[in-house]
Amino acid sequence: MRLVVAALVMSALLGSNVTPADDDRTFVVVVGADNPVPSLKRGELARLFLKKTSRWSDGREVRPVDQSAGSPVRSAFTRTVLSVEGMGKISAVQSFWLQQVYSGKSTPPPVKPADAEVIAFITANPGAIGYVGAAPAAGTVKVLAIKD
C-alpha cells in the first residue's frame, strides 16, 4: 500500500497526468465523413494537433479539437500520439501552447468536454479532426487508422 501511495505522490509532484486508471483507456481519431484521408501516421497526427501542419492533402484547413485536460481520453491521446513530438504529458502540451500564444504564433485547438461535443464540432466544421473514447455510430464521422 505504501508503494502505491508513494507512486501517486511522486506522480503528482512530477506533474504527471497519468494515473493507474488511465493506463487502459483508449481512443479513436475521427474526422468528417467526407474527409478522403483513410489513415495517418502518429507523427502526422501529432503535427496536425500541434498546428505544425495546417492543411489536408485536398487543401482544406485542418481544424483540430481537443478534449478537457483532465479527460482520460486526452491523457491516452497525449501519451500515444503527442509523445512523438516530445510531449507525452498534458503539462508539456499546455506549456507548448502557452509559448505559442505568448509569441503570437498560434492558438491551441478548442476544447470540448466530452465525446458528443467533439463529434458535433467535427460534423459542423469541415476539415475538423478530433479523438473520442469509443467508436461513434456509423455515418456521423469517419474513424481514421493510426499507423506507427
C-alpha atoms as a PDB file:
ATOM      1  CA  MET A   1       0.000   0.000   0.000  1.00  0.00           C
ATOM      2  CA  ARG A   2       2.822   2.417   0.846  1.00  0.00           C
ATOM      3  CA  LEU A   3       4.357   1.797  -2.553  1.00  0.00           C
ATOM      4  CA  VAL A   4       1.128   2.748  -4.327  1.00  0.00           C
ATOM      5  CA  VAL A   5       0.748   5.902  -2.237  1.00  0.00           C
ATOM      6  CA  ALA A   6       4.400   6.822  -2.842  1.00  0.00           C
ATOM      7  CA  ALA A   7       3.971   6.318  -6.594  1.00  0.00           C
ATOM      8  CA  LEU A   8       0.874   8.528  -6.667  1.00  0.00           C
ATOM      9  CA  VAL A   9       2.612  11.243  -4.631  1.00  0.00           C
ATOM     10  CA  MET A  10       5.664  11.148  -6.918  1.00  0.00           C
ATOM     11  CA  SER A  11       3.374  11.281  -9.923  1.00  0.00           C
ATOM     12  CA  ALA A  12       1.669  14.394  -8.568  1.00  0.00           C
ATOM     13  CA  LEU A  13       4.964  16.048  -7.674  1.00  0.00           C
ATOM     14  CA  LEU A  14       6.443  15.380 -11.098  1.00  0.00           C
ATOM     15  CA  GLY A  15       3.376  16.767 -12.860  1.00  0.00           C
ATOM     16  CA  SER A  16       2.274  13.513 -14.435  1.00  0.00           C
ATOM     17  CA  ASN A  17      -1.290  13.383 -15.660  1.00  0.00           C
ATOM     18  CA  VAL A  18      -1.333   9.595 -15.779  1.00  0.00           C
ATOM     19  CA  THR A  19      -2.930   7.558 -13.037  1.00  0.00           C
ATOM     20  CA  PRO A  20      -3.188   3.785 -12.904  1.00  0.00           C
ATOM     21  CA  ALA A  21      -6.808   4.035 -14.077  1.00  0.00           C
ATOM     22  CA  ASP A  22      -5.670   5.882 -17.234  1.00  0.00           C
ATOM     23  CA  ASP A  23      -3.391   3.078 -18.402  1.00  0.00           C
ATOM     24  CA  ASP A  24      -6.169   1.052 -20.010  1.00  0.00           C
ATOM     25  CA  ARG A  25      -8.028   3.957 -21.628  1.00  0.00           C
ATOM     26  CA  THR A  26      -8.201   4.032 -25.403  1.00  0.00           C
ATOM     27  CA  PHE A  27      -9.315   6.455 -28.080  1.00  0.00           C
ATOM     28  CA  VAL A  28     -10.170   6.652 -31.761  1.00  0.00           C
ATOM     29  CA  VAL A  29      -9.339   9.516 -34.107  1.00  0.00           C
ATOM     30  CA  VAL A  30     -12.291  10.867 -36.062  1.00  0.00           C
ATOM     31  CA  VAL A  31     -12.803  13.243 -38.993  1.00  0.00           C
ATOM     32  CA  GLY A  32     -15.769  14.354 -41.069  1.00  0.00           C
ATOM     33  CA  ALA A  33     -17.452  11.598 -43.045  1.00  0.00           C
ATOM     34  CA  ASP A  34     -16.395  13.282 -46.321  1.00  0.00           C
ATOM     35  CA  ASN A  35     -12.690  13.513 -45.432  1.00  0.00           C
ATOM     36  CA  PRO A  36     -10.756  11.462 -48.040  1.00  0.00           C
ATOM     37  CA  VAL A  37      -7.894  10.524 -45.679  1.00  0.00           C
ATOM     38  CA  PRO A  38      -8.151   6.872 -44.531  1.00  0.00           C
ATOM     39  CA  SER A  39      -5.189   6.840 -42.108  1.00  0.00           C
ATOM     40  CA  LEU A  40      -2.387   8.910 -40.614  1.00  0.00           C
ATOM     41  CA  LYS A  41       0.996   8.150 -39.111  1.00  0.00           C
ATOM     42  CA  ARG A  42       1.396   9.130 -35.455  1.00  0.00           C
ATOM     43  CA  GLY A  43       3.872  11.865 -36.398  1.00  0.00           C
ATOM     44  CA  GLU A  44       1.490  13.359 -38.961  1.00  0.00           C
ATOM     45  CA  LEU A  45      -1.334  13.263 -36.438  1.00  0.00           C
ATOM     46  CA  ALA A  46       0.806  14.985 -33.796  1.00  0.00           C
ATOM     47  CA  ARG A  47       1.745  17.741 -36.249  1.00  0.00           C
ATOM     48  CA  LEU A  48      -1.939  18.315 -37.062  1.00  0.00           C
ATOM     49  CA  PHE A  49      -2.869  18.705 -33.385  1.00  0.00           C
ATOM     50  CA  LEU A  50       0.095  20.979 -32.688  1.00  0.00           C
ATOM     51  CA  LYS A  51      -0.838  23.030 -35.778  1.00  0.00           C
ATOM     52  CA  LYS A  52       2.553  22.424 -37.360  1.00  0.00           C
ATOM     53  CA  THR A  53       0.640  21.155 -40.405  1.00  0.00           C
ATOM     54  CA  SER A  54      -2.313  23.352 -41.317  1.00  0.00           C
ATOM     55  CA  ARG A  55      -3.792  21.832 -44.484  1.00  0.00           C
ATOM     56  CA  TRP A  56      -5.184  18.481 -45.551  1.00  0.00           C
ATOM     57  CA  SER A  57      -3.927  16.965 -48.804  1.00  0.00           C
ATOM     58  CA  ASP A  58      -7.019  18.363 -50.570  1.00  0.00           C
ATOM     59  CA  GLY A  59      -6.152  21.915 -49.435  1.00  0.00           C
ATOM     60  CA  ARG A  60      -8.790  22.263 -46.715  1.00  0.00           C
ATOM     61  CA  GLU A  61      -7.759  23.841 -43.415  1.00  0.00           C
ATOM     62  CA  VAL A  62      -7.170  21.361 -40.593  1.00  0.00           C
ATOM     63  CA  ARG A  63      -9.252  22.175 -37.509  1.00  0.00           C
ATOM     64  CA  PRO A  64      -8.153  20.020 -34.548  1.00  0.00           C
ATOM     65  CA  VAL A  65     -10.297  19.801 -31.427  1.00  0.00           C
ATOM     66  CA  ASP A  66      -9.091  18.586 -28.014  1.00  0.00           C
ATOM     67  CA  GLN A  67     -10.849  17.140 -25.020  1.00  0.00           C
ATOM     68  CA  SER A  68     -10.564  18.562 -21.490  1.00  0.00           C
ATOM     69  CA  ALA A  69      -7.133  18.420 -19.837  1.00  0.00           C
ATOM     70  CA  GLY A  70      -8.460  16.135 -17.090  1.00  0.00           C
ATOM     71  CA  SER A  71     -10.019  13.666 -19.520  1.00  0.00           C
ATOM     72  CA  PRO A  72      -8.614  10.108 -19.522  1.00  0.00           C
ATOM     73  CA  VAL A  73      -9.152  10.093 -23.298  1.00  0.00           C
ATOM     74  CA  ARG A  74      -6.903  13.142 -23.674  1.00  0.00           C
ATOM     75  CA  SER A  75      -4.269  11.546 -21.449  1.00  0.00           C
ATOM     76  CA  ALA A  76      -4.255   8.432 -23.633  1.00  0.00           C
ATOM     77  CA  PHE A  77      -4.101  10.518 -26.836  1.00  0.00           C
ATOM     78  CA  THR A  78      -1.258  12.654 -25.483  1.00  0.00           C
ATOM     79  CA  ARG A  79       0.793   9.652 -24.342  1.00  0.00           C
ATOM     80  CA  THR A  80       0.227   7.745 -27.577  1.00  0.00           C
ATOM     81  CA  VAL A  81       0.353  10.478 -30.223  1.00  0.00           C
ATOM     82  CA  LEU A  82       1.909  13.703 -28.979  1.00  0.00           C
ATOM     83  CA  SER A  83       4.818  11.849 -27.374  1.00  0.00           C
ATOM     84  CA  VAL A  84       6.354  11.528 -30.870  1.00  0.00           C
ATOM     85  CA  GLU A  85       6.833  15.314 -30.738  1.00  0.00           C
ATOM     86  CA  GLY A  86       8.339  15.094 -27.239  1.00  0.00           C
ATOM     87  CA  MET A  87       5.091  15.974 -25.460  1.00  0.00           C
ATOM     88  CA  GLY A  88       3.869  12.828 -23.733  1.00  0.00           C
ATOM     89  CA  LYS A  89       2.305  14.737 -20.835  1.00  0.00           C
ATOM     90  CA  ILE A  90      -0.561  17.200 -20.913  1.00  0.00           C
ATOM     91  CA  SER A  91       1.520  19.688 -18.914  1.00  0.00           C
ATOM     92  CA  ALA A  92       4.110  19.701 -21.734  1.00  0.00           C
ATOM     93  CA  VAL A  93       1.387  20.350 -24.300  1.00  0.00           C
ATOM     94  CA  GLN A  94      -0.019  23.168 -22.184  1.00  0.00           C
ATOM     95  CA  SER A  95       3.463  24.725 -21.927  1.00  0.00           C
ATOM     96  CA  PHE A  96       3.848  24.456 -25.703  1.00  0.00           C
ATOM     97  CA  TRP A  97       0.567  26.315 -26.248  1.00  0.00           C
ATOM     98  CA  LEU A  98       1.435  28.999 -23.693  1.00  0.00           C
ATOM     99  CA  GLN A  99       4.657  29.664 -25.620  1.00  0.00           C
ATOM    100  CA  GLN A 100       2.783  29.726 -28.949  1.00  0.00           C
ATOM    101  CA  VAL A 101       0.173  32.179 -27.662  1.00  0.00           C
ATOM    102  CA  TYR A 102       2.714  34.391 -25.881  1.00  0.00           C
ATOM    103  CA  SER A 103       4.868  34.635 -29.001  1.00  0.00           C
ATOM    104  CA  GLY A 104       1.838  35.324 -31.208  1.00  0.00           C
ATOM    105  CA  LYS A 105       2.495  32.257 -33.392  1.00  0.00           C
ATOM    106  CA  SER A 106      -0.676  30.253 -32.843  1.00  0.00           C
ATOM    107  CA  THR A 107      -3.568  29.407 -30.566  1.00  0.00           C
ATOM    108  CA  PRO A 108      -4.498  25.998 -29.146  1.00  0.00           C
ATOM    109  CA  PRO A 109      -7.336  23.929 -30.561  1.00  0.00           C
ATOM    110  CA  PRO A 110     -10.758  24.447 -28.995  1.00  0.00           C
ATOM    111  CA  VAL A 111     -11.509  22.138 -26.080  1.00  0.00           C
ATOM    112  CA  LYS A 112     -14.717  20.150 -25.792  1.00  0.00           C
ATOM    113  CA  PRO A 113     -15.767  18.428 -22.553  1.00  0.00           C
ATOM    114  CA  ALA A 114     -16.995  15.101 -23.955  1.00  0.00           C
ATOM    115  CA  ASP A 115     -17.136  12.798 -26.970  1.00  0.00           C
ATOM    116  CA  ALA A 116     -20.547  14.066 -28.094  1.00  0.00           C
ATOM    117  CA  GLU A 117     -19.308  17.666 -28.266  1.00  0.00           C
ATOM    118  CA  VAL A 118     -16.202  16.605 -30.201  1.00  0.00           C
ATOM    119  CA  ILE A 119     -18.368  14.779 -32.738  1.00  0.00           C
ATOM    120  CA  ALA A 120     -20.728  17.770 -33.005  1.00  0.00           C
ATOM    121  CA  PHE A 121     -17.728  20.066 -33.641  1.00  0.00           C
ATOM    122  CA  ILE A 122     -16.393  17.755 -36.351  1.00  0.00           C
ATOM    123  CA  THR A 123     -19.722  17.458 -38.143  1.00  0.00           C
ATOM    124  CA  ALA A 124     -20.184  21.254 -38.062  1.00  0.00           C
ATOM    125  CA  ASN A 125     -16.651  22.184 -39.191  1.00  0.00           C
ATOM    126  CA  PRO A 126     -15.189  20.972 -42.495  1.00  0.00           C
ATOM    127  CA  GLY A 127     -11.578  19.859 -42.034  1.00  0.00           C
ATOM    128  CA  ALA A 128     -12.023  19.131 -38.330  1.00  0.00           C
ATOM    129  CA  ILE A 129     -10.248  16.261 -36.577  1.00  0.00           C
ATOM    130  CA  GLY A 130     -10.620  15.008 -33.025  1.00  0.00           C
ATOM    131  CA  TYR A 131     -10.475  11.956 -30.808  1.00  0.00           C
ATOM    132  CA  VAL A 132     -13.110  10.190 -28.744  1.00  0.00           C
ATOM    133  CA  GLY A 133     -13.170   7.348 -26.251  1.00  0.00           C
ATOM    134  CA  ALA A 134     -15.136   4.887 -28.355  1.00  0.00           C
ATOM    135  CA  ALA A 135     -16.037   4.431 -31.999  1.00  0.00           C
ATOM    136  CA  PRO A 136     -19.067   6.608 -32.794  1.00  0.00           C
ATOM    137  CA  ALA A 137     -22.233   5.496 -34.556  1.00  0.00           C
ATOM    138  CA  ALA A 138     -21.712   4.732 -38.218  1.00  0.00           C
ATOM    139  CA  GLY A 139     -22.263   7.609 -40.608  1.00  0.00           C
ATOM    140  CA  THR A 140     -21.764  10.509 -38.206  1.00  0.00           C
ATOM    141  CA  VAL A 141     -17.991  10.750 -38.617  1.00  0.00           C
ATOM    142  CA  LYS A 142     -15.189   8.597 -40.016  1.00  0.00           C
ATOM    143  CA  VAL A 143     -12.648   6.760 -37.839  1.00  0.00           C
ATOM    144  CA  LEU A 144      -9.042   7.059 -39.045  1.00  0.00           C
ATOM    145  CA  ALA A 145      -6.474   4.301 -38.686  1.00  0.00           C
ATOM    146  CA  ILE A 146      -3.293   5.345 -36.904  1.00  0.00           C
ATOM    147  CA  LYS A 147      -0.009   3.961 -38.219  1.00  0.00           C
ATOM    148  CA  ASP A 148       3.342   3.975 -36.482  1.00  0.00           C
END
